[in-house]
């Protein structure tokens, strides 16, 4: 099995273009024999993050553009997602209050997607630089596990 680095860079302008990213991840998974359950986990995390960007980051006057780099290297999947939308540090979103009924929570809706990404990935980082949002995620992958 080849253990060299595989990377793809895509620029996504619409939510529908997310399928290009799914194809890239499927290609990477095929080349490295990544289990379908791991591919699902990665795809779900990226879908949640990119959906949030398209839902909240861009004002009506902005042309959406999301730059995504995905790589597999030395048994680790990582992705960098960059957008020039509104600053929004998703890493500061509080965990949902699962121990309380929905009616008693301070914020009954919201934060579930970020919680999901935190649980699915081994690492989740946000920073803002030069007017752009950067989200970095990574997770260990076990080839050929199901």
C-alpha atoms as a PDB file:
ATOM      1  CA  UNK A   1       0.000   0.000   0.000  1.00  0.00           C
ATOM      2  CA  UNK A   2       1.300   3.461  -0.892  1.00  0.00           C
ATOM      3  CA  UNK A   3       1.542   5.696   2.166  1.00  0.00           C
ATOM      4  CA  UNK A   4       2.455   8.903   0.325  1.00  0.00           C
ATOM      5  CA  UNK A   5       0.580  12.111   0.886  1.00  0.00           C
ATOM      6  CA  UNK A   6      -2.636  12.741  -1.034  1.00  0.00           C
ATOM      7  CA  UNK A   7      -4.103  16.258  -1.139  1.00  0.00           C
ATOM      8  CA  UNK A   8      -6.891  17.990  -3.002  1.00  0.00           C
ATOM      9  CA  UNK A   9      -7.691  21.697  -3.094  1.00  0.00           C
ATOM     10  CA  UNK A  10     -11.154  22.806  -4.129  1.00  0.00           C
ATOM     11  CA  UNK A  11     -12.927  26.129  -4.240  1.00  0.00           C
ATOM     12  CA  UNK A  12     -16.637  25.879  -3.536  1.00  0.00           C
ATOM     13  CA  UNK A  13     -18.997  28.701  -4.537  1.00  0.00           C
ATOM     14  CA  UNK A  14     -22.349  27.053  -3.849  1.00  0.00           C
ATOM     15  CA  UNK A  15     -23.710  24.448  -1.487  1.00  0.00           C
ATOM     16  CA  UNK A  16     -24.314  22.144  -4.474  1.00  0.00           C
ATOM     17  CA  UNK A  17     -20.583  22.093  -5.238  1.00  0.00           C
ATOM     18  CA  UNK A  18     -19.974  20.165  -2.006  1.00  0.00           C
ATOM     19  CA  UNK A  19     -20.325  17.043  -4.164  1.00  0.00           C
ATOM     20  CA  UNK A  20     -16.867  17.824  -5.622  1.00  0.00           C
ATOM     21  CA  UNK A  21     -15.425  17.533  -2.133  1.00  0.00           C
ATOM     22  CA  UNK A  22     -17.258  14.252  -1.526  1.00  0.00           C
ATOM     23  CA  UNK A  23     -15.745  12.877  -4.736  1.00  0.00           C
ATOM     24  CA  UNK A  24     -12.253  13.910  -3.635  1.00  0.00           C
ATOM     25  CA  UNK A  25     -12.700  12.231  -0.256  1.00  0.00           C
ATOM     26  CA  UNK A  26     -14.041   9.073  -1.910  1.00  0.00           C
ATOM     27  CA  UNK A  27     -10.999   9.021  -4.202  1.00  0.00           C
ATOM     28  CA  UNK A  28      -8.625   9.431  -1.252  1.00  0.00           C
ATOM     29  CA  UNK A  29     -10.437   6.681   0.633  1.00  0.00           C
ATOM     30  CA  UNK A  30     -10.208   4.305  -2.305  1.00  0.00           C
ATOM     31  CA  UNK A  31      -6.491   4.944  -2.739  1.00  0.00           C
ATOM     32  CA  UNK A  32      -5.826   4.302   0.968  1.00  0.00           C
ATOM     33  CA  UNK A  33      -8.479   1.648   1.688  1.00  0.00           C
ATOM     34  CA  UNK A  34     -10.219   3.813   4.261  1.00  0.00           C
ATOM     35  CA  UNK A  35     -13.233   2.216   5.912  1.00  0.00           C
ATOM     36  CA  UNK A  36     -16.665   3.504   4.856  1.00  0.00           C
ATOM     37  CA  UNK A  37     -17.421   4.424   8.486  1.00  0.00           C
ATOM     38  CA  UNK A  38     -14.374   6.735   8.566  1.00  0.00           C
ATOM     39  CA  UNK A  39     -15.299   8.271   5.207  1.00  0.00           C
ATOM     40  CA  UNK A  40     -18.810   8.919   6.554  1.00  0.00           C
ATOM     41  CA  UNK A  41     -17.408  10.587   9.687  1.00  0.00           C
ATOM     42  CA  UNK A  42     -15.119  12.867   7.661  1.00  0.00           C
ATOM     43  CA  UNK A  43     -17.813  13.745   5.124  1.00  0.00           C
ATOM     44  CA  UNK A  44     -20.360  14.505   7.846  1.00  0.00           C
ATOM     45  CA  UNK A  45     -17.950  16.832   9.687  1.00  0.00           C
ATOM     46  CA  UNK A  46     -17.062  18.710   6.493  1.00  0.00           C
ATOM     47  CA  UNK A  47     -20.708  18.947   5.442  1.00  0.00           C
ATOM     48  CA  UNK A  48     -21.637  20.474   8.786  1.00  0.00           C
ATOM     49  CA  UNK A  49     -18.819  23.027   8.699  1.00  0.00           C
ATOM     50  CA  UNK A  50     -19.358  24.065   5.100  1.00  0.00           C
ATOM     51  CA  UNK A  51     -23.145  24.234   5.525  1.00  0.00           C
ATOM     52  CA  UNK A  52     -22.642  26.616   8.464  1.00  0.00           C
ATOM     53  CA  UNK A  53     -20.384  28.794   6.328  1.00  0.00           C
ATOM     54  CA  UNK A  54     -22.968  29.049   3.548  1.00  0.00           C
ATOM     55  CA  UNK A  55     -25.770  29.630   6.073  1.00  0.00           C
ATOM     56  CA  UNK A  56     -24.097  32.285   8.219  1.00  0.00           C
ATOM     57  CA  UNK A  57     -20.774  33.638   6.932  1.00  0.00           C
ATOM     58  CA  UNK A  58     -21.734  35.579   3.846  1.00  0.00           C
ATOM     59  CA  UNK A  59     -23.854  38.683   3.569  1.00  0.00           C
ATOM     60  CA  UNK A  60     -26.240  38.999   0.639  1.00  0.00           C
ATOM     61  CA  UNK A  61     -23.808  41.268  -1.190  1.00  0.00           C
ATOM     62  CA  UNK A  62     -20.865  38.849  -0.936  1.00  0.00           C
ATOM     63  CA  UNK A  63     -20.044  36.223  -3.534  1.00  0.00           C
ATOM     64  CA  UNK A  64     -19.530  33.044  -1.467  1.00  0.00           C
ATOM     65  CA  UNK A  65     -16.201  31.312  -1.844  1.00  0.00           C
ATOM     66  CA  UNK A  66     -14.912  28.531   0.380  1.00  0.00           C
ATOM     67  CA  UNK A  67     -11.388  27.249  -0.169  1.00  0.00           C
ATOM     68  CA  UNK A  68     -10.938  23.673   1.065  1.00  0.00           C
ATOM     69  CA  UNK A  69      -7.772  21.606   1.262  1.00  0.00           C
ATOM     70  CA  UNK A  70      -8.103  17.957   2.290  1.00  0.00           C
ATOM     71  CA  UNK A  71      -5.141  15.646   2.819  1.00  0.00           C
ATOM     72  CA  UNK A  72      -4.225  12.208   4.025  1.00  0.00           C
ATOM     73  CA  UNK A  73      -0.690  11.869   5.278  1.00  0.00           C
ATOM     74  CA  UNK A  74       0.880   9.273   7.587  1.00  0.00           C
ATOM     75  CA  UNK A  75      -2.413   7.829   8.767  1.00  0.00           C
ATOM     76  CA  UNK A  76      -4.070  11.183   9.457  1.00  0.00           C
ATOM     77  CA  UNK A  77      -6.826  12.969   7.559  1.00  0.00           C
ATOM     78  CA  UNK A  78      -6.798  16.723   7.828  1.00  0.00           C
ATOM     79  CA  UNK A  79      -8.673  19.586   6.248  1.00  0.00           C
ATOM     80  CA  UNK A  80      -8.283  23.335   6.125  1.00  0.00           C
ATOM     81  CA  UNK A  81     -11.391  25.372   5.320  1.00  0.00           C
ATOM     82  CA  UNK A  82     -10.962  29.067   4.522  1.00  0.00           C
ATOM     83  CA  UNK A  83     -13.642  31.678   3.880  1.00  0.00           C
ATOM     84  CA  UNK A  84     -13.736  35.465   3.799  1.00  0.00           C
ATOM     85  CA  UNK A  85     -17.120  35.706   5.446  1.00  0.00           C
ATOM     86  CA  UNK A  86     -18.172  37.303   8.708  1.00  0.00           C
ATOM     87  CA  UNK A  87     -15.860  36.530  11.631  1.00  0.00           C
ATOM     88  CA  UNK A  88     -17.417  33.783  13.709  1.00  0.00           C
ATOM     89  CA  UNK A  89     -15.265  31.758  16.050  1.00  0.00           C
ATOM     90  CA  UNK A  90     -17.152  28.471  16.064  1.00  0.00           C
ATOM     91  CA  UNK A  91     -14.610  27.001  18.464  1.00  0.00           C
ATOM     92  CA  UNK A  92     -16.074  29.236  21.205  1.00  0.00           C
ATOM     93  CA  UNK A  93     -19.591  27.834  20.874  1.00  0.00           C
ATOM     94  CA  UNK A  94     -20.639  26.255  24.149  1.00  0.00           C
ATOM     95  CA  UNK A  95     -21.495  22.581  24.332  1.00  0.00           C
ATOM     96  CA  UNK A  96     -25.257  21.923  24.264  1.00  0.00           C
ATOM     97  CA  UNK A  97     -26.806  21.292  27.678  1.00  0.00           C
ATOM     98  CA  UNK A  98     -27.669  17.644  27.153  1.00  0.00           C
ATOM     99  CA  UNK A  99     -28.341  17.150  30.855  1.00  0.00           C
ATOM    100  CA  UNK A 100     -31.390  19.467  30.751  1.00  0.00           C
ATOM    101  CA  UNK A 101     -34.726  19.177  28.947  1.00  0.00           C
ATOM    102  CA  UNK A 102     -34.909  21.390  25.837  1.00  0.00           C
ATOM    103  CA  UNK A 103     -37.308  23.827  27.536  1.00  0.00           C
ATOM    104  CA  UNK A 104     -34.841  24.466  30.368  1.00  0.00           C
ATOM    105  CA  UNK A 105     -31.738  25.046  28.251  1.00  0.00           C
ATOM    106  CA  UNK A 106     -30.269  28.554  27.997  1.00  0.00           C
ATOM    107  CA  UNK A 107     -30.111  28.080  24.236  1.00  0.00           C
ATOM    108  CA  UNK A 108     -32.536  25.320  23.154  1.00  0.00           C
ATOM    109  CA  UNK A 109     -31.399  25.364  19.498  1.00  0.00           C
ATOM    110  CA  UNK A 110     -27.961  25.735  17.975  1.00  0.00           C
ATOM    111  CA  UNK A 111     -24.502  24.394  18.545  1.00  0.00           C
ATOM    112  CA  UNK A 112     -25.390  20.791  17.758  1.00  0.00           C
ATOM    113  CA  UNK A 113     -23.425  20.721  14.500  1.00  0.00           C
ATOM    114  CA  UNK A 114     -20.278  22.105  16.109  1.00  0.00           C
ATOM    115  CA  UNK A 115     -20.697  19.593  18.930  1.00  0.00           C
ATOM    116  CA  UNK A 116     -20.932  16.843  16.334  1.00  0.00           C
ATOM    117  CA  UNK A 117     -17.737  17.989  14.591  1.00  0.00           C
ATOM    118  CA  UNK A 118     -15.888  18.102  17.924  1.00  0.00           C
ATOM    119  CA  UNK A 119     -16.957  14.517  18.633  1.00  0.00           C
ATOM    120  CA  UNK A 120     -16.163  13.196  15.161  1.00  0.00           C
ATOM    121  CA  UNK A 121     -12.697  14.756  14.790  1.00  0.00           C
ATOM    122  CA  UNK A 122      -9.597  14.374  16.951  1.00  0.00           C
ATOM    123  CA  UNK A 123      -8.683  18.044  16.536  1.00  0.00           C
ATOM    124  CA  UNK A 124     -10.731  21.145  15.755  1.00  0.00           C
ATOM    125  CA  UNK A 125      -9.156  24.619  15.544  1.00  0.00           C
ATOM    126  CA  UNK A 126     -10.388  28.039  14.432  1.00  0.00           C
ATOM    127  CA  UNK A 127      -8.514  31.265  13.825  1.00  0.00           C
ATOM    128  CA  UNK A 128      -8.995  34.481  11.872  1.00  0.00           C
ATOM    129  CA  UNK A 129      -6.187  36.025   9.852  1.00  0.00           C
ATOM    130  CA  UNK A 130      -6.155  38.831   7.273  1.00  0.00           C
ATOM    131  CA  UNK A 131      -9.956  39.023   7.164  1.00  0.00           C
ATOM    132  CA  UNK A 132     -10.456  35.292   6.650  1.00  0.00           C
ATOM    133  CA  UNK A 133     -11.818  32.486   8.821  1.00  0.00           C
ATOM    134  CA  UNK A 134      -9.698  29.330   9.054  1.00  0.00           C
ATOM    135  CA  UNK A 135     -11.018  26.038  10.383  1.00  0.00           C
ATOM    136  CA  UNK A 136      -8.635  23.115  10.736  1.00  0.00           C
ATOM    137  CA  UNK A 137      -9.801  19.599  11.516  1.00  0.00           C
ATOM    138  CA  UNK A 138      -7.976  16.307  11.658  1.00  0.00           C
ATOM    139  CA  UNK A 139      -8.556  12.704  12.648  1.00  0.00           C
ATOM    140  CA  UNK A 140      -6.532   9.529  12.670  1.00  0.00           C
ATOM    141  CA  UNK A 141      -7.560   6.969  10.093  1.00  0.00           C
ATOM    142  CA  UNK A 142      -7.138   3.230  10.194  1.00  0.00           C
ATOM    143  CA  UNK A 143      -6.877   1.822   6.687  1.00  0.00           C
ATOM    144  CA  UNK A 144      -8.821  -1.318   5.966  1.00  0.00           C
ATOM    145  CA  UNK A 145     -10.902  -1.232   9.153  1.00  0.00           C
ATOM    146  CA  UNK A 146     -14.648  -1.572   8.919  1.00  0.00           C
END
